[in-house]
Each structure stands twice: as structure tokens, then as C-alpha cells.
Amino acid sequence: MIIWILFITLILIILALDLGVFNKTPRIISTKEASKWTLIWFTLSMLFSGVIYWLYSTSFVQNPNHLKPAVASMKFITGYLIELSLSVDNIFVIAIIFASFKIPQKYQHRILFWGILGAILFRGLMIFFGVMLINKFAWTTYVFGVFLLFTAIKMLFSNAEDDFEPKESFVYKTIGKIIPITAERDKEKFFIPTKKGKAATPLFVALIVIEVMDVLFAVDSVPAILAITSDPFLVFSSNIFAILGLRSIYFFLANMLEKFHYLEYSLIAILSFVGLKMLLHDYIEIPEWASLTFIAFSLLIGIIVSLKMGKEEKIENNI
């Protein structure tokens, strides 16, 4: 319990420094700055895998599955990479939401910051109930496995992100029934006074829509990490580190999302892999290093193919 309290306190301190010190004044996050923070968050995550190794070699953290320190560390990294890779689709949707509500770039970081606070709460609850279900009802592992395979097949034959219209969504219409929505903005404020009373600005509406979409994406990503481990601290910490780095990755990729179009197939391969791993866990035991290698290799191939095909398409267009 002490480790949980210390970890959550650390995350809250990081977020407080983020909004209160590093990004106190709304501003546009440049690609150069975003790339720097992306590298910083990735480095911190890898360093934390060392902390995981140390924690699981001591008695400071509960270890119900009696994981060896090296295995626990690899499971953390694998879970982190899964969550990070599945966040790519989330980035596409966030870009659509910001464009739909015409959110200025300098206010986008503030929205993503508050979105992370909500994501930590909702994902914590989903992880808690997910781990509880797997530990109490072993058959739910097969349910999660089938669900992940279904998601992979659905991604292969559809382009749901291209059809998503935030202003036509159930969330937007529901918000409008609860509180008046105005198209006006007053800097970074979420609510402003109008003739009809206090109304929600596009910033607040975008925040709520992003929050709900994150919960929907978590329905895929949380079971995927649970396929790697049912240890609650490993699942939660890997999930949170990936979420914390999502903002910098968004600003890094925001202007070149189309360049990584083929990364979608990497995500399909990863979801299929973890889905099959869940379904066949009673018959085939896949070593942790093999899972980590497959996921890292899938991401690398997706990035290389995306960049190569994008370069060839650019050359063809110039001819």
C-alpha cells in the first residue's frame, strides 16, 4: 500500500510541476520541444523499469504471482509498449476532436493535462476490476482474448477514426442537454458567463469528449496489458507512464500523423498476438522476452514501412 501511495503522489507532483511550472502560461508546443519531452518520458519509463526490478527484489511491493525481478521489469516494459502503441489511434481521434472544435494549439496542452487526471482515475478503476475478474473468474481471460481478436479484425476492415464526428457524437449531445454550450472562447477558460447563464466553452466540450474516448480506448488497451500480467501495480504503472508521455507524443506527431499510416497494421498484429496469447495460455507458455521482442519488432516494422512508403509516395507525387 505504501508503494501505491508513493507512486500516485509522485505522479501528482509531476503533473503539478507540469501545469504550475513548465506550462504555466498557455503556449504552442513546438515539434522540437515535443520530441525532447517524448525522449524524456521514454527514458524515465525505462529507468522506472529498473525501479521495478529493485522493488520486486525486495518486500516493498506485494508480489502475488511471485515474479522474479527481471521478469517483472520485462512485463512492465512490455505493458508500457503495448499501451504506447495502442495510443496511436487515440492520437488520431484527439487531432480530429481539436480540429472539430477549433481549439487553438496553445490551449491544447491544458486540455490534455486535465484529460490525464481523469484517465488516471478511470483506468485505475478499470484495472482494479479487470484484475479482480481475472483472479476470481479464470474464464474471463478467454473473454478478453476473444474481444482483442475481434478488435483487431474490426481495425483491419474499418477506418472508424475517419468517420468520427465529435459534434454528432452522443457525448456532445448529452453535454448540451446538461449545460448550455457556446462557440465563444475566453482564453483557456472552460466556462464563461453568457446571457443565458454560465455556458461550456469548446475547450470544456473537447475535454469531455476526449475523456470519454479515452475510456473507450482503455477497453482495448487494459485487457491487452492484462494478457501480459495480472499484477495490479505493473499494469497500473505501465499504463500511467504511457499516458503521461501521450501528450508530448501527440504534439510530436500532430503535424505528421499521415506519415505513420502503416503503423495501424502493427497495432493489429499486437492485438492479435496478445489475444491469441490469452486464448492459448493453458497450452502454450510464451517467454516474456519473446512477447517483448514481438511487440517491439512489430512497432519498428510499422514505423520503417510507414516512412519508406511515405517517401516513395512523395517522390511519385513530385514526378
Protein backbone atom coordinates (compact mmCIF):
# COMPACT_ATOMS: atom_id res chain seq x y z
CA MET A 1 0.00 0.00 0.00
CA ILE A 2 2.87 2.38 0.80
CA ILE A 3 4.33 1.89 -2.70
CA TRP A 4 0.94 2.72 -4.25
CA ILE A 5 0.66 5.91 -2.20
CA LEU A 6 4.22 6.96 -3.05
CA PHE A 7 3.72 6.23 -6.76
CA ILE A 8 0.44 8.16 -7.03
CA THR A 9 1.95 11.04 -5.02
CA LEU A 10 4.91 11.13 -7.40
CA ILE A 11 2.59 11.28 -10.41
CA LEU A 12 0.55 14.12 -8.87
CA ILE A 13 3.75 16.07 -8.11
CA ILE A 14 4.90 15.62 -11.71
CA LEU A 15 1.55 16.85 -13.03
CA ALA A 16 1.58 19.83 -10.64
CA LEU A 17 5.06 20.83 -11.85
CA ASP A 18 3.91 20.33 -15.44
CA LEU A 19 0.98 22.76 -15.28
CA GLY A 20 2.24 25.05 -12.49
CA VAL A 21 5.85 25.49 -13.59
CA PHE A 22 6.78 24.20 -17.06
CA ASN A 23 3.50 25.10 -18.79
CA LYS A 24 2.05 27.79 -16.53
CA THR A 25 1.35 30.09 -19.48
CA PRO A 26 -0.62 28.71 -22.46
CA ARG A 27 1.67 28.42 -25.49
CA ILE A 28 2.23 26.44 -28.65
CA ILE A 29 4.33 23.30 -28.11
CA SER A 30 6.88 23.11 -30.92
CA THR A 31 7.80 19.82 -32.58
CA LYS A 32 11.36 20.20 -31.25
CA GLU A 33 10.18 20.64 -27.66
CA ALA A 34 7.68 17.79 -28.02
CA SER A 35 10.41 15.46 -29.33
CA LYS A 36 12.60 16.39 -26.36
CA TRP A 37 9.82 15.60 -23.86
CA THR A 38 8.95 12.39 -25.71
CA LEU A 39 12.55 11.25 -25.25
CA ILE A 40 12.50 12.33 -21.59
CA TRP A 41 9.30 10.38 -20.83
CA PHE A 42 10.60 7.31 -22.64
CA THR A 43 13.87 7.50 -20.70
CA LEU A 44 12.03 7.91 -17.38
CA SER A 45 9.88 4.89 -18.21
CA MET A 46 12.93 2.75 -18.94
CA LEU A 47 14.57 3.96 -15.73
CA PHE A 48 11.42 3.07 -13.82
CA SER A 49 11.73 -0.48 -15.13
CA GLY A 50 14.94 -0.52 -13.08
CA VAL A 51 12.94 0.65 -10.07
CA ILE A 52 10.53 -2.22 -10.75
CA TYR A 53 13.47 -4.63 -10.73
CA TRP A 54 14.59 -3.28 -7.36
CA LEU A 55 11.08 -3.29 -5.85
CA TYR A 56 10.43 -6.91 -6.85
CA SER A 57 13.75 -7.99 -5.39
CA THR A 58 12.62 -6.64 -2.02
CA SER A 59 9.47 -6.94 0.10
CA PHE A 60 8.31 -3.35 -0.51
CA VAL A 61 5.67 -4.38 -3.04
CA GLN A 62 3.16 -7.22 -2.98
CA ASN A 63 4.13 -9.97 -5.39
CA PRO A 64 1.14 -12.35 -5.54
CA ASN A 65 2.47 -14.13 -8.64
CA HIS A 66 5.99 -14.48 -7.17
CA LEU A 67 7.56 -12.81 -10.18
CA LYS A 68 11.32 -12.69 -10.44
CA PRO A 69 12.72 -9.11 -10.60
CA ALA A 70 13.91 -9.45 -14.23
CA VAL A 71 10.55 -10.88 -15.33
CA ALA A 72 8.62 -8.11 -13.54
CA SER A 73 10.81 -5.49 -15.22
CA MET A 74 10.22 -7.02 -18.68
CA LYS A 75 6.48 -7.23 -18.05
CA PHE A 76 6.46 -3.52 -17.18
CA ILE A 77 8.29 -2.60 -20.40
CA THR A 78 6.04 -4.88 -22.48
CA GLY A 79 2.89 -3.38 -20.94
CA TYR A 80 4.27 0.11 -21.48
CA LEU A 81 5.00 -0.53 -25.17
CA ILE A 82 1.54 -2.06 -25.70
CA GLU A 83 -0.21 0.94 -24.16
CA LEU A 84 2.04 3.35 -26.06
CA SER A 85 1.38 1.64 -29.39
CA LEU A 86 -2.38 1.47 -28.85
CA SER A 87 -2.32 5.19 -28.02
CA VAL A 88 -1.58 5.95 -31.67
CA ASP A 89 -5.26 5.55 -32.58
CA ASN A 90 -6.10 7.78 -29.63
CA ILE A 91 -3.82 10.47 -31.06
CA PHE A 92 -5.67 10.38 -34.38
CA VAL A 93 -9.01 10.88 -32.59
CA ILE A 94 -7.65 13.69 -30.39
CA ALA A 95 -6.47 15.51 -33.52
CA ILE A 96 -9.95 15.18 -35.05
CA ILE A 97 -11.60 16.49 -31.85
CA PHE A 98 -9.32 19.53 -31.64
CA ALA A 99 -9.90 20.32 -35.32
CA SER A 100 -13.68 19.88 -34.99
CA PHE A 101 -13.96 22.29 -32.05
CA LYS A 102 -11.30 24.63 -33.49
CA ILE A 103 -9.15 24.55 -30.36
CA PRO A 104 -6.09 26.83 -30.72
CA GLN A 105 -2.79 24.96 -30.41
CA LYS A 106 -1.65 26.95 -27.38
CA TYR A 107 -4.65 25.68 -25.34
CA GLN A 108 -4.44 22.04 -26.39
CA HIS A 109 -1.82 21.14 -23.75
CA ARG A 110 -4.10 22.38 -20.95
CA ILE A 111 -6.96 20.17 -22.18
CA LEU A 112 -4.71 17.11 -22.42
CA PHE A 113 -3.37 17.83 -18.91
CA TRP A 114 -6.82 17.69 -17.30
CA GLY A 115 -7.68 14.75 -19.51
CA ILE A 116 -4.79 12.81 -17.97
CA LEU A 117 -6.15 13.32 -14.45
CA GLY A 118 -9.44 11.77 -15.50
CA ALA A 119 -7.65 8.99 -17.37
CA ILE A 120 -5.67 8.06 -14.25
CA LEU A 121 -8.91 7.72 -12.25
CA PHE A 122 -10.90 5.79 -14.86
CA ARG A 123 -8.05 3.49 -15.86
CA GLY A 124 -7.29 2.80 -12.21
CA LEU A 125 -10.87 1.61 -11.75
CA MET A 126 -10.82 -0.47 -14.95
CA ILE A 127 -7.53 -2.10 -13.97
CA PHE A 128 -8.82 -2.85 -10.46
CA PHE A 129 -11.97 -4.57 -11.73
CA GLY A 130 -10.11 -6.24 -14.62
CA VAL A 131 -7.52 -7.81 -12.29
CA MET A 132 -10.27 -8.81 -9.87
CA LEU A 133 -12.24 -10.56 -12.63
CA ILE A 134 -9.22 -12.46 -13.94
CA ASN A 135 -8.15 -13.57 -10.46
CA LYS A 136 -11.68 -14.59 -9.42
CA PHE A 137 -13.01 -15.93 -12.71
CA ALA A 138 -10.27 -17.55 -14.79
CA TRP A 139 -12.60 -17.90 -17.78
CA THR A 140 -12.66 -14.10 -18.27
CA THR A 141 -9.17 -14.47 -19.75
CA TYR A 142 -10.77 -16.17 -22.74
CA VAL A 143 -13.40 -13.43 -22.98
CA PHE A 144 -10.69 -10.75 -23.09
CA GLY A 145 -8.77 -12.80 -25.66
CA VAL A 146 -11.76 -13.10 -27.99
CA PHE A 147 -12.51 -9.40 -27.54
CA LEU A 148 -8.96 -8.38 -28.53
CA LEU A 149 -9.08 -10.60 -31.63
CA PHE A 150 -12.45 -9.10 -32.57
CA THR A 151 -10.98 -5.60 -32.14
CA ALA A 152 -8.00 -6.49 -34.35
CA ILE A 153 -10.29 -7.81 -37.10
CA LYS A 154 -12.50 -4.74 -36.82
CA MET A 155 -9.46 -2.45 -37.18
CA LEU A 156 -8.32 -4.40 -40.24
CA PHE A 157 -11.58 -3.90 -42.13
CA SER A 158 -12.66 -0.46 -41.00
CA ASN A 159 -11.45 3.12 -40.68
CA ALA A 160 -13.59 4.24 -37.74
CA GLU A 161 -11.35 7.21 -36.94
CA ASP A 162 -12.08 8.78 -40.36
CA ASP A 163 -15.84 8.59 -39.76
CA PHE A 164 -15.82 10.03 -36.24
CA GLU A 165 -17.68 13.34 -35.98
CA PRO A 166 -17.32 14.82 -32.45
CA LYS A 167 -20.24 17.25 -32.84
CA GLU A 168 -22.52 14.41 -33.91
CA SER A 169 -21.49 12.16 -31.03
CA PHE A 170 -23.73 11.05 -28.18
CA VAL A 171 -21.35 12.72 -25.70
CA TYR A 172 -21.67 16.15 -27.32
CA LYS A 173 -25.46 15.94 -27.47
CA THR A 174 -25.64 14.81 -23.84
CA ILE A 175 -23.46 17.70 -22.64
CA GLY A 176 -25.77 20.10 -24.48
CA LYS A 177 -28.74 18.75 -22.53
CA ILE A 178 -26.99 19.23 -19.19
CA ILE A 179 -25.36 22.63 -19.67
CA PRO A 180 -25.57 25.27 -22.42
CA ILE A 181 -22.73 25.15 -24.96
CA THR A 182 -21.29 28.27 -26.54
CA ALA A 183 -18.99 28.62 -29.52
CA GLU A 184 -17.31 31.61 -27.84
CA ARG A 185 -13.96 31.32 -26.04
CA ASP A 186 -12.24 33.31 -23.32
CA LYS A 187 -8.59 32.26 -23.38
CA GLU A 188 -8.19 28.90 -21.59
CA LYS A 189 -11.43 29.05 -19.58
CA PHE A 190 -13.76 26.03 -19.59
CA PHE A 191 -16.86 28.05 -18.65
CA ILE A 192 -17.87 31.64 -19.42
CA PRO A 193 -20.92 33.76 -18.48
CA THR A 194 -23.49 34.37 -21.24
CA LYS A 195 -26.95 35.96 -21.45
CA LYS A 196 -28.46 32.55 -20.72
CA GLY A 197 -26.13 31.94 -17.77
CA LYS A 198 -22.87 30.04 -17.47
CA ALA A 199 -22.05 28.04 -20.59
CA ALA A 200 -19.40 25.48 -21.51
CA THR A 201 -16.76 26.62 -23.98
CA PRO A 202 -15.40 24.43 -26.81
CA LEU A 203 -12.40 23.68 -24.55
CA PHE A 204 -14.57 22.00 -21.92
CA VAL A 205 -16.60 20.08 -24.51
CA ALA A 206 -13.41 18.87 -26.20
CA LEU A 207 -12.08 17.76 -22.79
CA ILE A 208 -15.17 15.67 -22.01
CA VAL A 209 -15.27 14.10 -25.48
CA ILE A 210 -11.54 13.20 -25.23
CA GLU A 211 -12.13 11.77 -21.74
CA VAL A 212 -14.95 9.52 -22.93
CA MET A 213 -12.97 8.42 -25.98
CA ASP A 214 -10.02 7.55 -23.72
CA VAL A 215 -12.28 5.28 -21.67
CA LEU A 216 -13.40 3.56 -24.88
CA PHE A 217 -9.78 3.07 -25.97
CA ALA A 218 -8.93 1.75 -22.50
CA VAL A 219 -11.46 -1.03 -23.11
CA ASP A 220 -8.93 -2.34 -25.66
CA SER A 221 -5.64 -1.43 -24.00
CA VAL A 222 -6.34 -2.59 -20.43
CA PRO A 223 -7.24 -6.19 -21.46
CA ALA A 224 -4.17 -6.18 -23.73
CA ILE A 225 -1.89 -5.40 -20.78
CA LEU A 226 -3.74 -7.92 -18.61
CA ALA A 227 -2.66 -10.52 -21.18
CA ILE A 228 0.92 -9.77 -20.16
CA THR A 229 0.41 -9.70 -16.40
CA SER A 230 -2.36 -9.58 -13.83
CA ASP A 231 -0.10 -7.89 -11.28
CA PRO A 232 -2.06 -4.68 -10.49
CA PHE A 233 0.98 -2.48 -9.80
CA LEU A 234 2.72 -3.45 -13.04
CA VAL A 235 -0.46 -2.92 -15.06
CA PHE A 236 -1.23 0.44 -13.45
CA SER A 237 2.31 1.85 -13.52
CA SER A 238 2.98 0.86 -17.14
CA ASN A 239 -0.40 2.31 -18.14
CA ILE A 240 0.21 5.60 -16.34
CA PHE A 241 3.72 6.12 -17.73
CA ALA A 242 2.37 5.62 -21.25
CA ILE A 243 -0.46 8.10 -20.61
CA LEU A 244 1.95 10.69 -19.20
CA GLY A 245 4.03 10.52 -22.36
CA LEU A 246 0.99 10.66 -24.63
CA ARG A 247 0.80 14.48 -24.66
CA SER A 248 4.35 15.00 -25.89
CA ILE A 249 3.89 12.23 -28.46
CA TYR A 250 0.70 13.93 -29.66
CA PHE A 251 2.47 17.27 -30.24
CA PHE A 252 5.40 15.44 -31.82
CA LEU A 253 3.18 13.55 -34.26
CA ALA A 254 0.33 16.07 -34.67
CA ASN A 255 1.73 17.52 -37.88
CA MET A 256 2.81 14.24 -39.42
CA LEU A 257 0.18 11.67 -38.47
CA GLU A 258 -0.29 10.65 -42.09
CA LYS A 259 3.36 9.59 -42.31
CA PHE A 260 2.66 6.73 -39.89
CA HIS A 261 -0.40 5.35 -41.67
CA TYR A 262 1.01 1.79 -41.85
CA LEU A 263 1.55 1.71 -38.08
CA GLU A 264 -2.11 0.66 -37.92
CA TYR A 265 -1.09 -2.81 -39.11
CA SER A 266 1.43 -3.03 -36.27
CA LEU A 267 -1.37 -2.39 -33.80
CA ILE A 268 -3.49 -5.10 -35.44
CA ALA A 269 -0.57 -7.55 -35.15
CA ILE A 270 -0.03 -6.66 -31.48
CA LEU A 271 -3.72 -7.02 -30.58
CA SER A 272 -3.90 -10.34 -32.42
CA PHE A 273 -0.78 -11.57 -30.62
CA VAL A 274 -1.97 -10.72 -27.11
CA GLY A 275 -5.47 -12.03 -27.91
CA LEU A 276 -4.07 -15.40 -29.01
CA LYS A 277 -1.75 -15.41 -26.01
CA MET A 278 -4.78 -15.12 -23.73
CA LEU A 279 -6.70 -17.85 -25.53
CA LEU A 280 -3.77 -20.29 -25.63
CA HIS A 281 -2.22 -19.54 -22.23
CA ASP A 282 -3.19 -23.01 -20.93
CA TYR A 283 -1.44 -24.76 -23.83
CA ILE A 284 1.48 -22.54 -24.85
CA GLU A 285 3.70 -20.58 -22.50
CA ILE A 286 5.35 -17.70 -24.33
CA PRO A 287 8.51 -16.40 -22.61
CA GLU A 288 8.41 -12.77 -21.54
CA TRP A 289 11.38 -11.88 -23.72
CA ALA A 290 9.54 -13.30 -26.75
CA SER A 291 6.46 -11.14 -26.11
CA LEU A 292 8.59 -8.04 -25.67
CA THR A 293 10.59 -8.82 -28.82
CA PHE A 294 7.47 -9.38 -30.94
CA ILE A 295 5.82 -6.13 -29.80
CA ALA A 296 8.98 -4.03 -30.22
CA PHE A 297 9.67 -5.63 -33.64
CA SER A 298 6.06 -5.00 -34.80
CA LEU A 299 6.30 -1.32 -33.88
CA LEU A 300 9.70 -0.97 -35.55
CA ILE A 301 8.47 -2.59 -38.79
CA GLY A 302 5.37 -0.35 -38.80
CA ILE A 303 7.47 2.80 -38.42
CA ILE A 304 10.02 1.78 -41.07
CA VAL A 305 7.36 0.77 -43.62
CA SER A 306 5.37 3.98 -42.96
CA LEU A 307 8.42 6.19 -43.51
CA LYS A 308 9.56 4.24 -46.58
CA MET A 309 6.13 4.18 -48.25
CA GLY A 310 5.59 7.83 -47.40
CA LYS A 311 8.89 8.73 -49.05
CA GLU A 312 8.02 6.73 -52.19
CA GLU A 313 4.55 8.34 -52.40
CA LYS A 314 6.14 11.79 -52.07
CA ILE A 315 8.55 11.00 -54.92
CA GLU A 316 5.68 9.74 -57.13
CA ASN A 317 3.65 12.90 -56.45
CA ASN A 318 6.57 15.08 -57.48
CA ILE A 319 7.06 13.24 -60.76
